[in-house]
Amino acid sequence: MRPSRFLACLAIPLTVAFTTAQAQTPPPSAPAPAPVATAVLKATDGSDAGIVTAYRGPLGILLRVEGRGWPAGWHGVHLHAVGRCDTPGFTSAGAHVNHAEARPHGLLNHAGGPDLGDLQNIWAGPDGTANAEVYLAGSGLGMHGMDLLDSDGLSFLVHANADDHITQPIGGAGARIACGVFEAAARSTPPE
């Protein structure tokens, strides 16, 4: 056998082995997204009720909810137009975002809903913890009142019951049991 032919025969299996090894190498992981805002949740008695961390994506806002001390079961959660959480009852948070534009409440409301404050329900376990990621699609993110950090703020409200996503004005979700005001997320800066 000629040396060039012998080398060619060796090269093919080596190339296949190298290509296979490259295909099995996992791609580098993407950098973690930076949060744009957080809302520390407080219950009506002032106790800790968790935190909501907001991430702005290209087409919407992702809200990571880490609840503590919630009653077990489903809870309606909503974005409210005013960044205030005064007790009793957190009524200082106002109505849902863009209720002023007269959009009806409800993710399942086919008669003009939902308003921009409507979010998916969140389940709290028997130990009072609730962990979820809730997404608000960006169709109206440029609308007035949707800036998490505008001059009058924006609050995240947790209700006592599930939201049925249709009934006016809040889907039968009941009393406001926890509230948090969005504030700019702390940004870490690399050392110089």
C-alpha atoms as a PDB file:
ATOM      1  CA  MET A   1       0.000   0.000   0.000  1.00  0.00           C
ATOM      2  CA  ARG A   2       1.301   3.413  -0.857  1.00  0.00           C
ATOM      3  CA  PRO A   3       1.936   5.852   1.968  1.00  0.00           C
ATOM      4  CA  SER A   4      -0.409   8.519   0.554  1.00  0.00           C
ATOM      5  CA  ARG A   5      -3.248   6.049   0.254  1.00  0.00           C
ATOM      6  CA  PHE A   6      -2.577   4.814   3.789  1.00  0.00           C
ATOM      7  CA  LEU A   7      -2.676   8.374   5.170  1.00  0.00           C
ATOM      8  CA  ALA A   8      -5.897   9.098   3.275  1.00  0.00           C
ATOM      9  CA  CYS A   9      -7.518   6.012   4.826  1.00  0.00           C
ATOM     10  CA  LEU A  10      -6.517   7.214   8.285  1.00  0.00           C
ATOM     11  CA  ALA A  11      -7.698  10.782   7.643  1.00  0.00           C
ATOM     12  CA  ILE A  12     -11.305   9.867   6.926  1.00  0.00           C
ATOM     13  CA  PRO A  13     -11.994   8.123  10.280  1.00  0.00           C
ATOM     14  CA  LEU A  14     -10.136  10.850  12.150  1.00  0.00           C
ATOM     15  CA  THR A  15     -12.194  13.565  10.432  1.00  0.00           C
ATOM     16  CA  VAL A  16     -15.438  11.753  11.262  1.00  0.00           C
ATOM     17  CA  ALA A  17     -14.341  11.295  14.895  1.00  0.00           C
ATOM     18  CA  PHE A  18     -13.357  14.972  15.197  1.00  0.00           C
ATOM     19  CA  THR A  19     -16.646  16.162  13.626  1.00  0.00           C
ATOM     20  CA  THR A  20     -18.654  13.887  15.930  1.00  0.00           C
ATOM     21  CA  ALA A  21     -16.783  15.188  18.973  1.00  0.00           C
ATOM     22  CA  GLN A  22     -17.502  18.769  17.898  1.00  0.00           C
ATOM     23  CA  ALA A  23     -21.209  18.024  17.422  1.00  0.00           C
ATOM     24  CA  GLN A  24     -21.424  16.647  20.975  1.00  0.00           C
ATOM     25  CA  THR A  25     -19.812  19.686  22.571  1.00  0.00           C
ATOM     26  CA  PRO A  26     -22.558  21.817  24.132  1.00  0.00           C
ATOM     27  CA  PRO A  27     -22.747  25.413  22.923  1.00  0.00           C
ATOM     28  CA  PRO A  28     -21.630  28.132  25.314  1.00  0.00           C
ATOM     29  CA  SER A  29     -24.460  29.268  27.560  1.00  0.00           C
ATOM     30  CA  ALA A  30     -26.042  32.651  26.996  1.00  0.00           C
ATOM     31  CA  PRO A  31     -25.420  35.312  29.605  1.00  0.00           C
ATOM     32  CA  ALA A  32     -28.124  35.604  32.247  1.00  0.00           C
ATOM     33  CA  PRO A  33     -30.610  38.377  31.472  1.00  0.00           C
ATOM     34  CA  ALA A  34     -30.400  41.476  33.628  1.00  0.00           C
ATOM     35  CA  PRO A  35     -33.542  42.372  35.564  1.00  0.00           C
ATOM     36  CA  VAL A  36     -34.989  45.823  34.887  1.00  0.00           C
ATOM     37  CA  ALA A  37     -37.111  46.131  38.028  1.00  0.00           C
ATOM     38  CA  THR A  38     -38.148  44.374  41.220  1.00  0.00           C
ATOM     39  CA  ALA A  39     -41.186  44.635  43.461  1.00  0.00           C
ATOM     40  CA  VAL A  40     -40.870  43.503  47.079  1.00  0.00           C
ATOM     41  CA  LEU A  41     -44.246  42.078  48.107  1.00  0.00           C
ATOM     42  CA  LYS A  42     -45.775  42.835  51.494  1.00  0.00           C
ATOM     43  CA  ALA A  43     -48.931  41.354  52.995  1.00  0.00           C
ATOM     44  CA  THR A  44     -51.638  43.574  54.481  1.00  0.00           C
ATOM     45  CA  ASP A  45     -50.054  43.122  57.937  1.00  0.00           C
ATOM     46  CA  GLY A  46     -46.656  44.253  56.597  1.00  0.00           C
ATOM     47  CA  SER A  47     -45.059  40.806  56.604  1.00  0.00           C
ATOM     48  CA  ASP A  48     -42.860  39.555  53.774  1.00  0.00           C
ATOM     49  CA  ALA A  49     -44.875  38.070  50.896  1.00  0.00           C
ATOM     50  CA  GLY A  50     -42.066  37.566  48.357  1.00  0.00           C
ATOM     51  CA  ILE A  51     -40.547  39.362  45.402  1.00  0.00           C
ATOM     52  CA  VAL A  52     -41.311  39.889  41.708  1.00  0.00           C
ATOM     53  CA  THR A  53     -38.406  40.380  39.302  1.00  0.00           C
ATOM     54  CA  ALA A  54     -39.107  41.894  35.872  1.00  0.00           C
ATOM     55  CA  TYR A  55     -37.120  41.166  32.723  1.00  0.00           C
ATOM     56  CA  ARG A  56     -37.774  43.025  29.477  1.00  0.00           C
ATOM     57  CA  GLY A  57     -37.638  40.804  26.416  1.00  0.00           C
ATOM     58  CA  PRO A  58     -37.835  41.785  22.758  1.00  0.00           C
ATOM     59  CA  LEU A  59     -41.615  41.252  22.658  1.00  0.00           C
ATOM     60  CA  GLY A  60     -42.805  41.581  26.241  1.00  0.00           C
ATOM     61  CA  ILE A  61     -42.086  41.477  29.939  1.00  0.00           C
ATOM     62  CA  LEU A  62     -41.321  38.330  31.932  1.00  0.00           C
ATOM     63  CA  LEU A  63     -42.213  38.525  35.621  1.00  0.00           C
ATOM     64  CA  ARG A  64     -40.552  35.970  37.902  1.00  0.00           C
ATOM     65  CA  VAL A  65     -42.737  35.642  41.005  1.00  0.00           C
ATOM     66  CA  GLU A  66     -41.354  34.154  44.228  1.00  0.00           C
ATOM     67  CA  GLY A  67     -44.180  34.259  46.751  1.00  0.00           C
ATOM     68  CA  ARG A  68     -43.973  33.519  50.468  1.00  0.00           C
ATOM     69  CA  GLY A  69     -46.702  33.219  53.076  1.00  0.00           C
ATOM     70  CA  TRP A  70     -49.587  33.045  50.586  1.00  0.00           C
ATOM     71  CA  PRO A  71     -52.684  30.974  51.394  1.00  0.00           C
ATOM     72  CA  ALA A  72     -52.649  27.637  49.543  1.00  0.00           C
ATOM     73  CA  GLY A  73     -54.452  27.617  46.190  1.00  0.00           C
ATOM     74  CA  TRP A  74     -54.809  29.716  43.051  1.00  0.00           C
ATOM     75  CA  HIS A  75     -54.368  33.497  43.165  1.00  0.00           C
ATOM     76  CA  GLY A  76     -55.171  36.168  40.634  1.00  0.00           C
ATOM     77  CA  VAL A  77     -52.277  38.566  40.079  1.00  0.00           C
ATOM     78  CA  HIS A  78     -52.484  41.896  38.299  1.00  0.00           C
ATOM     79  CA  LEU A  79     -50.487  44.977  37.385  1.00  0.00           C
ATOM     80  CA  HIS A  80     -51.989  48.149  38.843  1.00  0.00           C
ATOM     81  CA  ALA A  81     -51.513  51.643  37.445  1.00  0.00           C
ATOM     82  CA  VAL A  82     -50.162  53.378  40.570  1.00  0.00           C
ATOM     83  CA  GLY A  83     -46.975  52.488  42.399  1.00  0.00           C
ATOM     84  CA  ARG A  84     -48.368  52.661  45.940  1.00  0.00           C
ATOM     85  CA  CYS A  85     -49.213  49.927  48.407  1.00  0.00           C
ATOM     86  CA  ASP A  86     -50.837  51.688  51.358  1.00  0.00           C
ATOM     87  CA  THR A  87     -52.806  49.628  53.836  1.00  0.00           C
ATOM     88  CA  PRO A  88     -55.502  48.766  54.553  1.00  0.00           C
ATOM     89  CA  GLY A  89     -56.426  46.931  51.400  1.00  0.00           C
ATOM     90  CA  PHE A  90     -53.826  48.390  48.996  1.00  0.00           C
ATOM     91  CA  THR A  91     -56.502  50.474  47.249  1.00  0.00           C
ATOM     92  CA  SER A  92     -53.858  53.186  46.729  1.00  0.00           C
ATOM     93  CA  ALA A  93     -52.521  51.025  43.862  1.00  0.00           C
ATOM     94  CA  GLY A  94     -55.528  52.108  41.799  1.00  0.00           C
ATOM     95  CA  ALA A  95     -57.103  50.069  39.032  1.00  0.00           C
ATOM     96  CA  HIS A  96     -55.466  47.801  36.480  1.00  0.00           C
ATOM     97  CA  VAL A  97     -53.116  49.284  33.935  1.00  0.00           C
ATOM     98  CA  ASN A  98     -55.052  50.903  31.057  1.00  0.00           C
ATOM     99  CA  HIS A  99     -58.508  50.724  32.653  1.00  0.00           C
ATOM    100  CA  ALA A 100     -58.639  54.435  31.772  1.00  0.00           C
ATOM    101  CA  GLU A 101     -58.811  53.346  28.115  1.00  0.00           C
ATOM    102  CA  ALA A 102     -61.956  51.360  29.032  1.00  0.00           C
ATOM    103  CA  ARG A 103     -60.606  47.930  28.084  1.00  0.00           C
ATOM    104  CA  PRO A 104     -62.577  45.204  29.841  1.00  0.00           C
ATOM    105  CA  HIS A 105     -60.877  42.819  32.240  1.00  0.00           C
ATOM    106  CA  GLY A 106     -60.054  39.244  31.363  1.00  0.00           C
ATOM    107  CA  LEU A 107     -57.517  37.153  29.461  1.00  0.00           C
ATOM    108  CA  LEU A 108     -60.474  35.108  28.145  1.00  0.00           C
ATOM    109  CA  ASN A 109     -62.776  38.080  27.527  1.00  0.00           C
ATOM    110  CA  HIS A 110     -63.632  38.102  23.821  1.00  0.00           C
ATOM    111  CA  ALA A 111     -65.527  41.383  24.148  1.00  0.00           C
ATOM    112  CA  GLY A 112     -62.473  43.656  23.977  1.00  0.00           C
ATOM    113  CA  GLY A 113     -60.235  42.238  26.717  1.00  0.00           C
ATOM    114  CA  PRO A 114     -57.789  41.826  28.153  1.00  0.00           C
ATOM    115  CA  ASP A 115     -56.537  44.972  29.803  1.00  0.00           C
ATOM    116  CA  LEU A 116     -52.769  45.236  30.254  1.00  0.00           C
ATOM    117  CA  GLY A 117     -53.001  44.536  33.979  1.00  0.00           C
ATOM    118  CA  ASP A 118     -54.367  41.037  33.429  1.00  0.00           C
ATOM    119  CA  LEU A 119     -51.923  38.221  34.132  1.00  0.00           C
ATOM    120  CA  GLN A 120     -52.102  34.457  34.556  1.00  0.00           C
ATOM    121  CA  ASN A 121     -53.126  32.939  37.911  1.00  0.00           C
ATOM    122  CA  ILE A 122     -50.412  31.614  40.243  1.00  0.00           C
ATOM    123  CA  TRP A 123     -50.606  28.520  42.456  1.00  0.00           C
ATOM    124  CA  ALA A 124     -49.366  28.627  46.065  1.00  0.00           C
ATOM    125  CA  GLY A 125     -48.521  25.317  47.724  1.00  0.00           C
ATOM    126  CA  PRO A 126     -49.556  24.184  51.202  1.00  0.00           C
ATOM    127  CA  ASP A 127     -46.320  25.678  52.591  1.00  0.00           C
ATOM    128  CA  GLY A 128     -47.291  29.143  51.288  1.00  0.00           C
ATOM    129  CA  THR A 129     -44.681  29.333  48.550  1.00  0.00           C
ATOM    130  CA  ALA A 130     -45.522  30.300  44.994  1.00  0.00           C
ATOM    131  CA  ASN A 131     -42.974  30.206  42.176  1.00  0.00           C
ATOM    132  CA  ALA A 132     -43.938  31.133  38.656  1.00  0.00           C
ATOM    133  CA  GLU A 133     -42.919  33.044  35.587  1.00  0.00           C
ATOM    134  CA  VAL A 134     -45.717  35.157  34.148  1.00  0.00           C
ATOM    135  CA  TYR A 135     -45.413  36.697  30.694  1.00  0.00           C
ATOM    136  CA  LEU A 136     -47.045  39.858  29.424  1.00  0.00           C
ATOM    137  CA  ALA A 137     -46.935  39.967  25.628  1.00  0.00           C
ATOM    138  CA  GLY A 138     -45.746  43.214  24.109  1.00  0.00           C
ATOM    139  CA  SER A 139     -48.693  44.269  22.004  1.00  0.00           C
ATOM    140  CA  GLY A 140     -49.331  47.227  24.274  1.00  0.00           C
ATOM    141  CA  LEU A 141     -46.023  47.749  26.030  1.00  0.00           C
ATOM    142  CA  GLY A 142     -45.552  51.170  24.476  1.00  0.00           C
ATOM    143  CA  MET A 143     -48.930  52.331  25.754  1.00  0.00           C
ATOM    144  CA  HIS A 144     -49.271  54.850  28.553  1.00  0.00           C
ATOM    145  CA  GLY A 145     -48.991  53.260  31.966  1.00  0.00           C
ATOM    146  CA  MET A 146     -46.927  50.261  30.921  1.00  0.00           C
ATOM    147  CA  ASP A 147     -43.535  51.639  31.908  1.00  0.00           C
ATOM    148  CA  LEU A 148     -42.563  49.780  35.075  1.00  0.00           C
ATOM    149  CA  LEU A 149     -40.663  52.817  36.317  1.00  0.00           C
ATOM    150  CA  ASP A 150     -42.743  55.797  35.145  1.00  0.00           C
ATOM    151  CA  SER A 151     -43.410  58.812  37.379  1.00  0.00           C
ATOM    152  CA  ASP A 152     -46.416  57.351  39.230  1.00  0.00           C
ATOM    153  CA  GLY A 153     -44.989  53.834  39.301  1.00  0.00           C
ATOM    154  CA  LEU A 154     -46.588  50.456  38.812  1.00  0.00           C
ATOM    155  CA  SER A 155     -47.589  47.875  41.392  1.00  0.00           C
ATOM    156  CA  PHE A 156     -48.011  44.099  41.422  1.00  0.00           C
ATOM    157  CA  LEU A 157     -51.081  42.875  43.339  1.00  0.00           C
ATOM    158  CA  VAL A 158     -51.855  39.388  44.625  1.00  0.00           C
ATOM    159  CA  HIS A 159     -55.521  38.544  45.243  1.00  0.00           C
ATOM    160  CA  ALA A 160     -57.078  36.071  47.680  1.00  0.00           C
ATOM    161  CA  ASN A 161     -58.753  33.958  44.975  1.00  0.00           C
ATOM    162  CA  ALA A 162     -58.238  32.834  41.395  1.00  0.00           C
ATOM    163  CA  ASP A 163     -59.153  35.159  38.539  1.00  0.00           C
ATOM    164  CA  ASP A 164     -61.813  33.635  36.251  1.00  0.00           C
ATOM    165  CA  HIS A 165     -60.432  35.839  33.417  1.00  0.00           C
ATOM    166  CA  ILE A 166     -63.889  37.092  32.381  1.00  0.00           C
ATOM    167  CA  THR A 167     -65.943  38.633  35.218  1.00  0.00           C
ATOM    168  CA  GLN A 168     -65.749  42.425  35.615  1.00  0.00           C
ATOM    169  CA  PRO A 169     -63.870  44.189  37.064  1.00  0.00           C
ATOM    170  CA  ILE A 170     -61.266  41.722  38.504  1.00  0.00           C
ATOM    171  CA  GLY A 171     -62.470  38.247  37.602  1.00  0.00           C
ATOM    172  CA  GLY A 172     -63.861  37.464  41.057  1.00  0.00           C
ATOM    173  CA  ALA A 173     -60.298  37.410  42.447  1.00  0.00           C
ATOM    174  CA  GLY A 174     -61.354  38.897  45.786  1.00  0.00           C
ATOM    175  CA  ALA A 175     -59.404  40.929  48.307  1.00  0.00           C
ATOM    176  CA  ARG A 176     -55.922  42.271  47.687  1.00  0.00           C
ATOM    177  CA  ILE A 177     -53.651  40.240  49.991  1.00  0.00           C
ATOM    178  CA  ALA A 178     -50.163  41.354  48.906  1.00  0.00           C
ATOM    179  CA  CYS A 179     -48.686  44.287  47.032  1.00  0.00           C
ATOM    180  CA  GLY A 180     -45.307  45.461  45.760  1.00  0.00           C
ATOM    181  CA  VAL A 181     -44.123  48.582  43.917  1.00  0.00           C
ATOM    182  CA  PHE A 182     -41.661  48.157  41.058  1.00  0.00           C
ATOM    183  CA  GLU A 183     -38.302  49.865  41.544  1.00  0.00           C
ATOM    184  CA  ALA A 184     -35.242  49.867  39.302  1.00  0.00           C
ATOM    185  CA  ALA A 185     -33.212  46.699  39.750  1.00  0.00           C
ATOM    186  CA  ALA A 186     -29.791  47.086  41.322  1.00  0.00           C
ATOM    187  CA  ARG A 187     -27.129  46.835  38.668  1.00  0.00           C
ATOM    188  CA  SER A 188     -23.729  45.478  39.486  1.00  0.00           C
ATOM    189  CA  THR A 189     -20.791  47.210  37.896  1.00  0.00           C
ATOM    190  CA  PRO A 190     -17.536  45.421  37.174  1.00  0.00           C
ATOM    191  CA  PRO A 191     -14.532  46.518  39.234  1.00  0.00           C
ATOM    192  CA  GLU A 192     -12.164  48.938  37.529  1.00  0.00           C
END
